[in-house]
Amino acid sequence: MLLQPLVENAVRHGVAPVMAGGLIAISSISRGDRLLMTIKNSGPHSNGNSLQTIMPSKGIGLANTAERLKGLYGENQLFSLRSPEAGEYEVTIDIPFRKVVPATEETLCAH
């Protein structure tokens, strides 16, 4: 549920306004005890700014995501946006990576 509003924003504000369409790329990688996720679109956004932290005034979807991350991870997370190249927009999430321990197999008795 964390990625859904970010992908929706990439479609609505990045790709849909461009007549020729565009590209949305979603990537994730674990590095040690961290998970880095990136959602990038090739849309018309370009503000020339370097990496910035998202503030609640940036939009409902982005504000909700920022608040959800703060509620779950406190200061142990990073939620940022940038426009690295003309016509490109990127959202990055960096959170703790938690491995799930597989449940032990249960043996059922057949009676």
PDB file of N, CA and C in Angstrom:
ATOM      1  N   MET A   1       0.819  -1.201   0.000  1.00  0.00           N
ATOM      2  CA  MET A   1       0.000   0.000   0.000  1.00  0.00           C
ATOM      3  C   MET A   1       0.863   1.265   0.000  1.00  0.00           C
ATOM      4  N   LEU A   2       2.103   1.124   0.341  1.00  0.00           N
ATOM      5  CA  LEU A   2       3.004   2.276   0.378  1.00  0.00           C
ATOM      6  C   LEU A   2       3.327   2.787  -1.024  1.00  0.00           C
ATOM      7  N   LEU A   3       3.478   1.894  -1.978  1.00  0.00           N
ATOM      8  CA  LEU A   3       3.867   2.280  -3.326  1.00  0.00           C
ATOM      9  C   LEU A   3       2.704   2.767  -4.183  1.00  0.00           C
ATOM     10  N   GLN A   4       1.491   2.336  -3.869  1.00  0.00           N
ATOM     11  CA  GLN A   4       0.341   2.640  -4.722  1.00  0.00           C
ATOM     12  C   GLN A   4       0.161   4.137  -4.987  1.00  0.00           C
ATOM     13  N   PRO A   5       0.131   5.013  -3.975  1.00  0.00           N
ATOM     14  CA  PRO A   5      -0.067   6.434  -4.290  1.00  0.00           C
ATOM     15  C   PRO A   5       1.112   7.039  -5.052  1.00  0.00           C
ATOM     16  N   LEU A   6       2.303   6.494  -4.874  1.00  0.00           N
ATOM     17  CA  LEU A   6       3.468   7.013  -5.586  1.00  0.00           C
ATOM     18  C   LEU A   6       3.425   6.633  -7.066  1.00  0.00           C
ATOM     19  N   VAL A   7       3.022   5.402  -7.361  1.00  0.00           N
ATOM     20  CA  VAL A   7       2.877   4.985  -8.751  1.00  0.00           C
ATOM     21  C   VAL A   7       1.713   5.729  -9.397  1.00  0.00           C
ATOM     22  N   GLU A   8       0.632   5.909  -8.647  1.00  0.00           N
ATOM     23  CA  GLU A   8      -0.511   6.683  -9.170  1.00  0.00           C
ATOM     24  C   GLU A   8      -0.078   8.099  -9.529  1.00  0.00           C
ATOM     25  N   ASN A   9       0.708   8.750  -8.675  1.00  0.00           N
ATOM     26  CA  ASN A   9       1.220  10.096  -8.981  1.00  0.00           C
ATOM     27  C   ASN A   9       2.109  10.078 -10.224  1.00  0.00           C
ATOM     28  N   ALA A  10       2.945   9.047 -10.365  1.00  0.00           N
ATOM     29  CA  ALA A  10       3.823   8.950 -11.533  1.00  0.00           C
ATOM     30  C   ALA A  10       3.006   8.853 -12.821  1.00  0.00           C
ATOM     31  N   VAL A  11       1.902   8.116 -12.766  1.00  0.00           N
ATOM     32  CA  VAL A  11       1.028   7.999 -13.934  1.00  0.00           C
ATOM     33  C   VAL A  11       0.295   9.314 -14.174  1.00  0.00           C
ATOM     34  N   ARG A  12      -0.378   9.799 -13.160  1.00  0.00           N
ATOM     35  CA  ARG A  12      -1.245  10.976 -13.301  1.00  0.00           C
ATOM     36  C   ARG A  12      -0.469  12.244 -13.663  1.00  0.00           C
ATOM     37  N   HIS A  13       0.632  12.504 -12.970  1.00  0.00           N
ATOM     38  CA  HIS A  13       1.347  13.767 -13.153  1.00  0.00           C
ATOM     39  C   HIS A  13       2.568  13.655 -14.056  1.00  0.00           C
ATOM     40  N   GLY A  14       3.051  12.431 -14.281  1.00  0.00           N
ATOM     41  CA  GLY A  14       4.253  12.275 -15.064  1.00  0.00           C
ATOM     42  C   GLY A  14       4.034  11.766 -16.469  1.00  0.00           C
ATOM     43  N   VAL A  15       3.287  10.678 -16.611  1.00  0.00           N
ATOM     44  CA  VAL A  15       3.162  10.027 -17.903  1.00  0.00           C
ATOM     45  C   VAL A  15       1.897  10.450 -18.651  1.00  0.00           C
ATOM     46  N   ALA A  16       0.768  10.536 -17.970  1.00  0.00           N
ATOM     47  CA  ALA A  16      -0.509  10.834 -18.633  1.00  0.00           C
ATOM     48  C   ALA A  16      -0.522  12.167 -19.395  1.00  0.00           C
ATOM     49  N   PRO A  17       0.102  13.235 -18.892  1.00  0.00           N
ATOM     50  CA  PRO A  17       0.058  14.503 -19.632  1.00  0.00           C
ATOM     51  C   PRO A  17       0.861  14.512 -20.937  1.00  0.00           C
ATOM     52  N   VAL A  18       1.704  13.524 -21.151  1.00  0.00           N
ATOM     53  CA  VAL A  18       2.557  13.492 -22.334  1.00  0.00           C
ATOM     54  C   VAL A  18       1.867  12.680 -23.426  1.00  0.00           C
ATOM     55  N   MET A  19       1.618  13.304 -24.558  1.00  0.00           N
ATOM     56  CA  MET A  19       0.896  12.643 -25.653  1.00  0.00           C
ATOM     57  C   MET A  19       1.592  11.364 -26.114  1.00  0.00           C
ATOM     58  N   ALA A  20       2.903  11.340 -26.121  1.00  0.00           N
ATOM     59  CA  ALA A  20       3.646  10.172 -26.589  1.00  0.00           C
ATOM     60  C   ALA A  20       3.757   9.087 -25.527  1.00  0.00           C
ATOM     61  N   GLY A  21       3.203   9.327 -24.344  1.00  0.00           N
ATOM     62  CA  GLY A  21       3.302   8.368 -23.249  1.00  0.00           C
ATOM     63  C   GLY A  21       4.604   8.548 -22.495  1.00  0.00           C
ATOM     64  N   GLY A  22       5.010   7.526 -21.805  1.00  0.00           N
ATOM     65  CA  GLY A  22       6.230   7.651 -21.028  1.00  0.00           C
ATOM     66  C   GLY A  22       6.592   6.334 -20.371  1.00  0.00           C
ATOM     67  N   LEU A  23       7.495   6.423 -19.428  1.00  0.00           N
ATOM     68  CA  LEU A  23       8.029   5.253 -18.763  1.00  0.00           C
ATOM     69  C   LEU A  23       7.955   5.442 -17.258  1.00  0.00           C
ATOM     70  N   ILE A  24       7.565   4.375 -16.550  1.00  0.00           N
ATOM     71  CA  ILE A  24       7.616   4.354 -15.091  1.00  0.00           C
ATOM     72  C   ILE A  24       8.485   3.168 -14.710  1.00  0.00           C
ATOM     73  N   ALA A  25       9.487   3.419 -13.871  1.00  0.00           N
ATOM     74  CA  ALA A  25      10.379   2.360 -13.416  1.00  0.00           C
ATOM     75  C   ALA A  25      10.306   2.277 -11.899  1.00  0.00           C
ATOM     76  N   ILE A  26      10.116   1.056 -11.391  1.00  0.00           N
ATOM     77  CA  ILE A  26      10.068   0.806  -9.956  1.00  0.00           C
ATOM     78  C   ILE A  26      11.207  -0.150  -9.638  1.00  0.00           C
ATOM     79  N   SER A  27      12.051   0.224  -8.698  1.00  0.00           N
ATOM     80  CA  SER A  27      13.160  -0.650  -8.334  1.00  0.00           C
ATOM     81  C   SER A  27      13.294  -0.726  -6.823  1.00  0.00           C
ATOM     82  N   SER A  28      13.869  -1.827  -6.370  1.00  0.00           N
ATOM     83  CA  SER A  28      14.152  -1.976  -4.943  1.00  0.00           C
ATOM     84  C   SER A  28      15.423  -2.794  -4.792  1.00  0.00           C
ATOM     85  N   ILE A  29      16.144  -2.498  -3.729  1.00  0.00           N
ATOM     86  CA  ILE A  29      17.370  -3.221  -3.432  1.00  0.00           C
ATOM     87  C   ILE A  29      17.578  -3.216  -1.923  1.00  0.00           C
ATOM     88  N   SER A  30      18.047  -4.334  -1.399  1.00  0.00           N
ATOM     89  CA  SER A  30      18.379  -4.367   0.025  1.00  0.00           C
ATOM     90  C   SER A  30      19.891  -4.218   0.148  1.00  0.00           C
ATOM     91  N   ARG A  31      20.290  -3.376   1.075  1.00  0.00           N
ATOM     92  CA  ARG A  31      21.701  -3.146   1.362  1.00  0.00           C
ATOM     93  C   ARG A  31      21.890  -3.296   2.856  1.00  0.00           C
ATOM     94  N   GLY A  32      22.401  -4.439   3.245  1.00  0.00           N
ATOM     95  CA  GLY A  32      22.567  -4.701   4.673  1.00  0.00           C
ATOM     96  C   GLY A  32      21.221  -4.736   5.354  1.00  0.00           C
ATOM     97  N   ASP A  33      21.019  -3.836   6.301  1.00  0.00           N
ATOM     98  CA  ASP A  33      19.756  -3.790   7.033  1.00  0.00           C
ATOM     99  C   ASP A  33      18.828  -2.685   6.525  1.00  0.00           C
ATOM    100  N   ARG A  34      19.032  -2.219   5.273  1.00  0.00           N
ATOM    101  CA  ARG A  34      18.219  -1.154   4.692  1.00  0.00           C
ATOM    102  C   ARG A  34      17.564  -1.634   3.395  1.00  0.00           C
ATOM    103  N   LEU A  35      16.381  -1.080   3.107  1.00  0.00           N
ATOM    104  CA  LEU A  35      15.672  -1.333   1.863  1.00  0.00           C
ATOM    105  C   LEU A  35      15.523   0.003   1.147  1.00  0.00           C
ATOM    106  N   LEU A  36      16.002   0.078  -0.082  1.00  0.00           N
ATOM    107  CA  LEU A  36      15.923   1.287  -0.882  1.00  0.00           C
ATOM    108  C   LEU A  36      14.972   1.028  -2.044  1.00  0.00           C
ATOM    109  N   MET A  37      13.897   1.833  -2.136  1.00  0.00           N
ATOM    110  CA  MET A  37      12.922   1.713  -3.217  1.00  0.00           C
ATOM    111  C   MET A  37      12.884   3.021  -3.987  1.00  0.00           C
ATOM    112  N   THR A  38      12.782   2.913  -5.320  1.00  0.00           N
ATOM    113  CA  THR A  38      12.748   4.099  -6.171  1.00  0.00           C
ATOM    114  C   THR A  38      11.633   3.958  -7.189  1.00  0.00           C
ATOM    115  N   ILE A  39      10.857   5.028  -7.355  1.00  0.00           N
ATOM    116  CA  ILE A  39       9.824   5.112  -8.378  1.00  0.00           C
ATOM    117  C   ILE A  39      10.204   6.295  -9.244  1.00  0.00           C
ATOM    118  N   LYS A  40      10.420   6.038 -10.531  1.00  0.00           N
ATOM    119  CA  LYS A  40      10.881   7.084 -11.444  1.00  0.00           C
ATOM    120  C   LYS A  40       9.946   7.145 -12.634  1.00  0.00           C
ATOM    121  N   ASN A  41       9.632   8.363 -13.095  1.00  0.00           N
ATOM    122  CA  ASN A  41       8.842   8.504 -14.312  1.00  0.00           C
ATOM    123  C   ASN A  41       9.511   9.498 -15.257  1.00  0.00           C
ATOM    124  N   SER A  42       9.189   9.352 -16.535  1.00  0.00           N
ATOM    125  CA  SER A  42       9.822  10.161 -17.569  1.00  0.00           C
ATOM    126  C   SER A  42       8.970  11.359 -17.968  1.00  0.00           C
ATOM    127  N   GLY A  43       8.088  11.782 -17.093  1.00  0.00           N
ATOM    128  CA  GLY A  43       7.142  12.841 -17.413  1.00  0.00           C
ATOM    129  C   GLY A  43       7.733  14.227 -17.503  1.00  0.00           C
ATOM    130  N   PRO A  44       6.870  15.228 -17.609  1.00  0.00           N
ATOM    131  CA  PRO A  44       7.300  16.601 -17.858  1.00  0.00           C
ATOM    132  C   PRO A  44       7.848  17.337 -16.646  1.00  0.00           C
ATOM    133  N   HIS A  45       7.864  16.728 -15.448  1.00  0.00           N
ATOM    134  CA  HIS A  45       8.356  17.411 -14.261  1.00  0.00           C
ATOM    135  C   HIS A  45       9.839  17.715 -14.413  1.00  0.00           C
ATOM    136  N   SER A  46      10.201  18.908 -14.163  1.00  0.00           N
ATOM    137  CA  SER A  46      11.613  19.275 -14.112  1.00  0.00           C
ATOM    138  C   SER A  46      11.722  20.604 -13.403  1.00  0.00           C
ATOM    139  N   ASN A  47      12.287  20.578 -12.203  1.00  0.00           N
ATOM    140  CA  ASN A  47      12.450  21.823 -11.473  1.00  0.00           C
ATOM    141  C   ASN A  47      13.917  22.155 -11.265  1.00  0.00           C
ATOM    142  N   GLY A  48      14.807  21.267 -11.722  1.00  0.00           N
ATOM    143  CA  GLY A  48      16.225  21.533 -11.611  1.00  0.00           C
ATOM    144  C   GLY A  48      16.771  21.445 -10.199  1.00  0.00           C
ATOM    145  N   ASN A  49      15.929  21.075  -9.239  1.00  0.00           N
ATOM    146  CA  ASN A  49      16.385  21.003  -7.851  1.00  0.00           C
ATOM    147  C   ASN A  49      17.128  19.713  -7.590  1.00  0.00           C
ATOM    148  N   SER A  50      17.996  19.756  -6.623  1.00  0.00           N
ATOM    149  CA  SER A  50      18.658  18.541  -6.177  1.00  0.00           C
ATOM    150  C   SER A  50      17.736  17.832  -5.196  1.00  0.00           C
ATOM    151  N   LEU A  51      18.255  16.793  -4.584  1.00  0.00           N
ATOM    152  CA  LEU A  51      17.474  15.989  -3.645  1.00  0.00           C
ATOM    153  C   LEU A  51      16.820  16.871  -2.585  1.00  0.00           C
ATOM    154  N   GLN A  52      15.521  16.638  -2.351  1.00  0.00           N
ATOM    155  CA  GLN A  52      14.785  17.393  -1.345  1.00  0.00           C
ATOM    156  C   GLN A  52      13.978  16.433  -0.493  1.00  0.00           C
ATOM    157  N   THR A  53      13.721  16.821   0.737  1.00  0.00           N
ATOM    158  CA  THR A  53      12.828  16.050   1.588  1.00  0.00           C
ATOM    159  C   THR A  53      11.400  16.493   1.308  1.00  0.00           C
ATOM    160  N   ILE A  54      10.494  15.537   1.242  1.00  0.00           N
ATOM    161  CA  ILE A  54       9.084  15.826   0.985  1.00  0.00           C
ATOM    162  C   ILE A  54       8.475  16.537   2.186  1.00  0.00           C
ATOM    163  N   MET A  55       7.737  17.568   1.921  1.00  0.00           N
ATOM    164  CA  MET A  55       7.008  18.282   2.961  1.00  0.00           C
ATOM    165  C   MET A  55       5.521  18.040   2.714  1.00  0.00           C
ATOM    166  N   PRO A  56       4.688  18.052   3.765  1.00  0.00           N
ATOM    167  CA  PRO A  56       3.263  17.754   3.601  1.00  0.00           C
ATOM    168  C   PRO A  56       2.545  18.616   2.569  1.00  0.00           C
ATOM    169  N   SER A  57       3.028  19.818   2.285  1.00  0.00           N
ATOM    170  CA  SER A  57       2.350  20.689   1.341  1.00  0.00           C
ATOM    171  C   SER A  57       2.539  20.251  -0.112  1.00  0.00           C
ATOM    172  N   LYS A  58       3.315  19.217  -0.368  1.00  0.00           N
ATOM    173  CA  LYS A  58       3.589  18.780  -1.736  1.00  0.00           C
ATOM    174  C   LYS A  58       2.427  18.021  -2.367  1.00  0.00           C
ATOM    175  N   GLY A  59       1.450  17.591  -1.598  1.00  0.00           N
ATOM    176  CA  GLY A  59       0.314  16.873  -2.162  1.00  0.00           C
ATOM    177  C   GLY A  59      -0.208  15.847  -1.186  1.00  0.00           C
ATOM    178  N   ILE A  60      -1.445  15.435  -1.391  1.00  0.00           N
ATOM    179  CA  ILE A  60      -2.090  14.507  -0.461  1.00  0.00           C
ATOM    180  C   ILE A  60      -1.405  13.147  -0.468  1.00  0.00           C
ATOM    181  N   GLY A  61      -1.170  12.563  -1.654  1.00  0.00           N
ATOM    182  CA  GLY A  61      -0.545  11.250  -1.733  1.00  0.00           C
ATOM    183  C   GLY A  61       0.849  11.248  -1.133  1.00  0.00           C
ATOM    184  N   LEU A  62       1.634  12.267  -1.463  1.00  0.00           N
ATOM    185  CA  LEU A  62       2.988  12.356  -0.935  1.00  0.00           C
ATOM    186  C   LEU A  62       2.979  12.644   0.555  1.00  0.00           C
ATOM    187  N   ALA A  63       2.084  13.520   0.983  1.00  0.00           N
ATOM    188  CA  ALA A  63       1.994  13.844   2.414  1.00  0.00           C
ATOM    189  C   ALA A  63       1.572  12.628   3.226  1.00  0.00           C
ATOM    190  N   ASN A  64       0.597  11.876   2.734  1.00  0.00           N
ATOM    191  CA  ASN A  64       0.153  10.668   3.442  1.00  0.00           C
ATOM    192  C   ASN A  64       1.273   9.638   3.533  1.00  0.00           C
ATOM    193  N   THR A  65       2.019   9.478   2.449  1.00  0.00           N
ATOM    194  CA  THR A  65       3.134   8.535   2.457  1.00  0.00           C
ATOM    195  C   THR A  65       4.200   8.974   3.447  1.00  0.00           C
ATOM    196  N   ALA A  66       4.529  10.266   3.459  1.00  0.00           N
ATOM    197  CA  ALA A  66       5.525  10.782   4.399  1.00  0.00           C
ATOM    198  C   ALA A  66       5.086  10.558   5.843  1.00  0.00           C
ATOM    199  N   GLU A  67       3.817  10.808   6.140  1.00  0.00           N
ATOM    200  CA  GLU A  67       3.309  10.617   7.501  1.00  0.00           C
ATOM    201  C   GLU A  67       3.290   9.136   7.886  1.00  0.00           C
ATOM    202  N   ARG A  68       2.924   8.267   6.942  1.00  0.00           N
ATOM    203  CA  ARG A  68       2.907   6.834   7.210  1.00  0.00           C
ATOM    204  C   ARG A  68       4.314   6.339   7.541  1.00  0.00           C
ATOM    205  N   LEU A  69       5.297   6.797   6.775  1.00  0.00           N
ATOM    206  CA  LEU A  69       6.683   6.393   7.029  1.00  0.00           C
ATOM    207  C   LEU A  69       7.174   6.898   8.384  1.00  0.00           C
ATOM    208  N   LYS A  70       6.837   8.145   8.718  1.00  0.00           N
ATOM    209  CA  LYS A  70       7.232   8.687  10.025  1.00  0.00           C
ATOM    210  C   LYS A  70       6.577   7.913  11.161  1.00  0.00           C
ATOM    211  N   GLY A  71       5.315   7.529  10.980  1.00  0.00           N
ATOM    212  CA  GLY A  71       4.615   6.758  12.004  1.00  0.00           C
ATOM    213  C   GLY A  71       5.204   5.371  12.197  1.00  0.00           C
ATOM    214  N   LEU A  72       5.639   4.756  11.112  1.00  0.00           N
ATOM    215  CA  LEU A  72       6.196   3.411  11.188  1.00  0.00           C
ATOM    216  C   LEU A  72       7.656   3.381  11.629  1.00  0.00           C
ATOM    217  N   TYR A  73       8.458   4.343  11.154  1.00  0.00           N
ATOM    218  CA  TYR A  73       9.906   4.281  11.351  1.00  0.00           C
ATOM    219  C   TYR A  73      10.517   5.477  12.063  1.00  0.00           C
ATOM    220  N   GLY A  74       9.709   6.468  12.397  1.00  0.00           N
ATOM    221  CA  GLY A  74      10.248   7.660  13.053  1.00  0.00           C
ATOM    222  C   GLY A  74      11.293   8.328  12.183  1.00  0.00           C
ATOM    223  N   GLU A  75      12.431   8.636  12.773  1.00  0.00           N
ATOM    224  CA  GLU A  75      13.516   9.283  12.026  1.00  0.00           C
ATOM    225  C   GLU A  75      14.396   8.277  11.292  1.00  0.00           C
ATOM    226  N   ASN A  76      14.117   6.994  11.439  1.00  0.00           N
ATOM    227  CA  ASN A  76      14.920   5.948  10.807  1.00  0.00           C
ATOM    228  C   ASN A  76      14.407   5.642   9.396  1.00  0.00           C
ATOM    229  N   GLN A  77      14.114   6.684   8.624  1.00  0.00           N
ATOM    230  CA  GLN A  77      13.634   6.531   7.264  1.00  0.00           C
ATOM    231  C   GLN A  77      13.975   7.791   6.472  1.00  0.00           C
ATOM    232  N   LEU A  78      13.966   7.662   5.157  1.00  0.00           N
ATOM    233  CA  LEU A  78      14.167   8.801   4.273  1.00  0.00           C
ATOM    234  C   LEU A  78      13.127   8.712   3.169  1.00  0.00           C
ATOM    235  N   PHE A  79      12.433   9.799   2.929  1.00  0.00           N
ATOM    236  CA  PHE A  79      11.450   9.899   1.857  1.00  0.00           C
ATOM    237  C   PHE A  79      11.797  11.163   1.095  1.00  0.00           C
ATOM    238  N   SER A  80      12.246  11.020  -0.132  1.00  0.00           N
ATOM    239  CA  SER A  80      12.726  12.192  -0.864  1.00  0.00           C
ATOM    240  C   SER A  80      12.283  12.170  -2.315  1.00  0.00           C
ATOM    241  N   LEU A  81      12.347  13.332  -2.936  1.00  0.00           N
ATOM    242  CA  LEU A  81      12.055  13.447  -4.353  1.00  0.00           C
ATOM    243  C   LEU A  81      13.135  14.281  -5.007  1.00  0.00           C
ATOM    244  N   ARG A  82      13.306  14.034  -6.288  1.00  0.00           N
ATOM    245  CA  ARG A  82      14.220  14.865  -7.051  1.00  0.00           C
ATOM    246  C   ARG A  82      13.872  14.786  -8.525  1.00  0.00           C
ATOM    247  N   SER A  83      14.374  15.727  -9.247  1.00  0.00           N
ATOM    248  CA  SER A  83      14.216  15.768 -10.686  1.00  0.00           C
ATOM    249  C   SER A  83      15.632  15.763 -11.266  1.00  0.00           C
ATOM    250  N   PRO A  84      16.228  14.548 -11.412  1.00  0.00           N
ATOM    251  CA  PRO A  84      17.634  14.463 -11.782  1.00  0.00           C
ATOM    252  C   PRO A  84      17.959  14.908 -13.200  1.00  0.00           C
ATOM    253  N   GLU A  85      17.044  14.772 -14.132  1.00  0.00           N
ATOM    254  CA  GLU A  85      17.259  15.184 -15.509  1.00  0.00           C
ATOM    255  C   GLU A  85      16.002  15.871 -16.022  1.00  0.00           C
ATOM    256  N   ALA A  86      16.154  16.635 -17.093  1.00  0.00           N
ATOM    257  CA  ALA A  86      15.001  17.319 -17.687  1.00  0.00           C
ATOM    258  C   ALA A  86      13.922  16.304 -18.027  1.00  0.00           C
ATOM    259  N   GLY A  87      12.708  16.541 -17.531  1.00  0.00           N
ATOM    260  CA  GLY A  87      11.584  15.667 -17.833  1.00  0.00           C
ATOM    261  C   GLY A  87      11.548  14.377 -17.051  1.00  0.00           C
ATOM    262  N   GLU A  88      12.281  14.286 -15.985  1.00  0.00           N
ATOM    263  CA  GLU A  88      12.302  13.067 -15.174  1.00  0.00           C
ATOM    264  C   GLU A  88      11.981  13.429 -13.732  1.00  0.00           C
ATOM    265  N   TYR A  89      11.336  12.509 -13.014  1.00  0.00           N
ATOM    266  CA  TYR A  89      10.961  12.743 -11.619  1.00  0.00           C
ATOM    267  C   TYR A  89      11.175  11.443 -10.859  1.00  0.00           C
ATOM    268  N   GLU A  90      11.741  11.525  -9.660  1.00  0.00           N
ATOM    269  CA  GLU A  90      12.098  10.323  -8.919  1.00  0.00           C
ATOM    270  C   GLU A  90      11.739  10.471  -7.446  1.00  0.00           C
ATOM    271  N   VAL A  91      11.102   9.437  -6.888  1.00  0.00           N
ATOM    272  CA  VAL A  91      10.789   9.366  -5.469  1.00  0.00           C
ATOM    273  C   VAL A  91      11.589   8.210  -4.879  1.00  0.00           C
ATOM    274  N   THR A  92      12.250   8.458  -3.753  1.00  0.00           N
ATOM    275  CA  THR A  92      13.072   7.442  -3.112  1.00  0.00           C
ATOM    276  C   THR A  92      12.609   7.226  -1.680  1.00  0.00           C
ATOM    277  N   ILE A  93      12.533   5.958  -1.279  1.00  0.00           N
ATOM    278  CA  ILE A  93      12.210   5.572   0.094  1.00  0.00           C
ATOM    279  C   ILE A  93      13.347   4.697   0.603  1.00  0.00           C
ATOM    280  N   ASP A  94      13.866   5.041   1.761  1.00  0.00           N
ATOM    281  CA  ASP A  94      14.934   4.269   2.401  1.00  0.00           C
ATOM    282  C   ASP A  94      14.453   3.939   3.815  1.00  0.00           C
ATOM    283  N   ILE A  95      14.218   2.640   4.068  1.00  0.00           N
ATOM    284  CA  ILE A  95      13.670   2.200   5.351  1.00  0.00           C
ATOM    285  C   ILE A  95      14.449   0.995   5.869  1.00  0.00           C
ATOM    286  N   PRO A  96      14.289   0.667   7.143  1.00  0.00           N
ATOM    287  CA  PRO A  96      14.916  -0.552   7.666  1.00  0.00           C
ATOM    288  C   PRO A  96      14.361  -1.780   6.945  1.00  0.00           C
ATOM    289  N   PHE A  97      15.233  -2.739   6.692  1.00  0.00           N
ATOM    290  CA  PHE A  97      14.856  -3.983   6.035  1.00  0.00           C
ATOM    291  C   PHE A  97      14.686  -5.053   7.091  1.00  0.00           C
ATOM    292  N   ARG A  98      13.496  -5.603   7.173  1.00  0.00           N
ATOM    293  CA  ARG A  98      13.201  -6.643   8.159  1.00  0.00           C
ATOM    294  C   ARG A  98      12.994  -7.957   7.441  1.00  0.00           C
ATOM    295  N   LYS A  99      13.778  -8.955   7.792  1.00  0.00           N
ATOM    296  CA  LYS A  99      13.611 -10.281   7.210  1.00  0.00           C
ATOM    297  C   LYS A  99      12.565 -11.044   8.006  1.00  0.00           C
ATOM    298  N   VAL A 100      11.740 -11.767   7.298  1.00  0.00           N
ATOM    299  CA  VAL A 100      10.718 -12.591   7.936  1.00  0.00           C
ATOM    300  C   VAL A 100      11.292 -13.988   8.114  1.00  0.00           C
ATOM    301  N   VAL A 101      11.215 -14.491   9.314  1.00  0.00           N
ATOM    302  CA  VAL A 101      11.682 -15.840   9.599  1.00  0.00           C
ATOM    303  C   VAL A 101      10.578 -16.803   9.180  1.00  0.00           C
ATOM    304  N   PRO A 102      10.902 -17.777   8.311  1.00  0.00           N
ATOM    305  CA  PRO A 102       9.849 -18.700   7.871  1.00  0.00           C
ATOM    306  C   PRO A 102       9.311 -19.518   9.039  1.00  0.00           C
ATOM    307  N   ALA A 103       8.015 -19.737   8.996  1.00  0.00           N
ATOM    308  CA  ALA A 103       7.366 -20.552  10.033  1.00  0.00           C
ATOM    309  C   ALA A 103       7.822 -21.992   9.886  1.00  0.00           C
ATOM    310  N   THR A 104       7.937 -22.674  10.995  1.00  0.00           N
ATOM    311  CA  THR A 104       8.314 -24.086  10.951  1.00  0.00           C
ATOM    312  C   THR A 104       7.136 -24.890  10.403  1.00  0.00           C
ATOM    313  N   GLU A 105       7.474 -25.943   9.708  1.00  0.00           N
ATOM    314  CA  GLU A 105       6.423 -26.791   9.155  1.00  0.00           C
ATOM    315  C   GLU A 105       5.724 -27.559  10.260  1.00  0.00           C
ATOM    316  N   GLU A 106       4.426 -27.603  10.164  1.00  0.00           N
ATOM    317  CA  GLU A 106       3.645 -28.365  11.130  1.00  0.00           C
ATOM    318  C   GLU A 106       3.301 -29.722  10.525  1.00  0.00           C
ATOM    319  N   THR A 107       3.369 -30.737  11.336  1.00  0.00           N
ATOM    320  CA  THR A 107       3.006 -32.075  10.867  1.00  0.00           C
ATOM    321  C   THR A 107       1.588 -32.375  11.315  1.00  0.00           C
ATOM    322  N   LEU A 108       0.763 -32.714  10.347  1.00  0.00           N
ATOM    323  CA  LEU A 108      -0.623 -33.036  10.657  1.00  0.00           C
ATOM    324  C   LEU A 108      -0.752 -34.561  10.853  1.00  0.00           C
ATOM    325  N   CYS A 109      -1.523 -34.903  11.829  1.00  0.00           N
ATOM    326  CA  CYS A 109      -1.779 -36.328  12.095  1.00  0.00           C
ATOM    327  C   CYS A 109      -2.999 -36.758  11.292  1.00  0.00           C
ATOM    328  N   ALA A 110      -2.861 -37.850  10.594  1.00  0.00           N
ATOM    329  CA  ALA A 110      -4.007 -38.374   9.834  1.00  0.00           C
ATOM    330  C   ALA A 110      -4.677 -39.446  10.672  1.00  0.00           C
ATOM    331  N   HIS A 111      -5.877 -39.194  11.100  1.00  0.00           N
ATOM    332  CA  HIS A 111      -6.616 -40.168  11.915  1.00  0.00           C
ATOM    333  C   HIS A 111      -7.887 -40.537  11.207  1.00  0.00           C
TER     334      HIS A 111
END
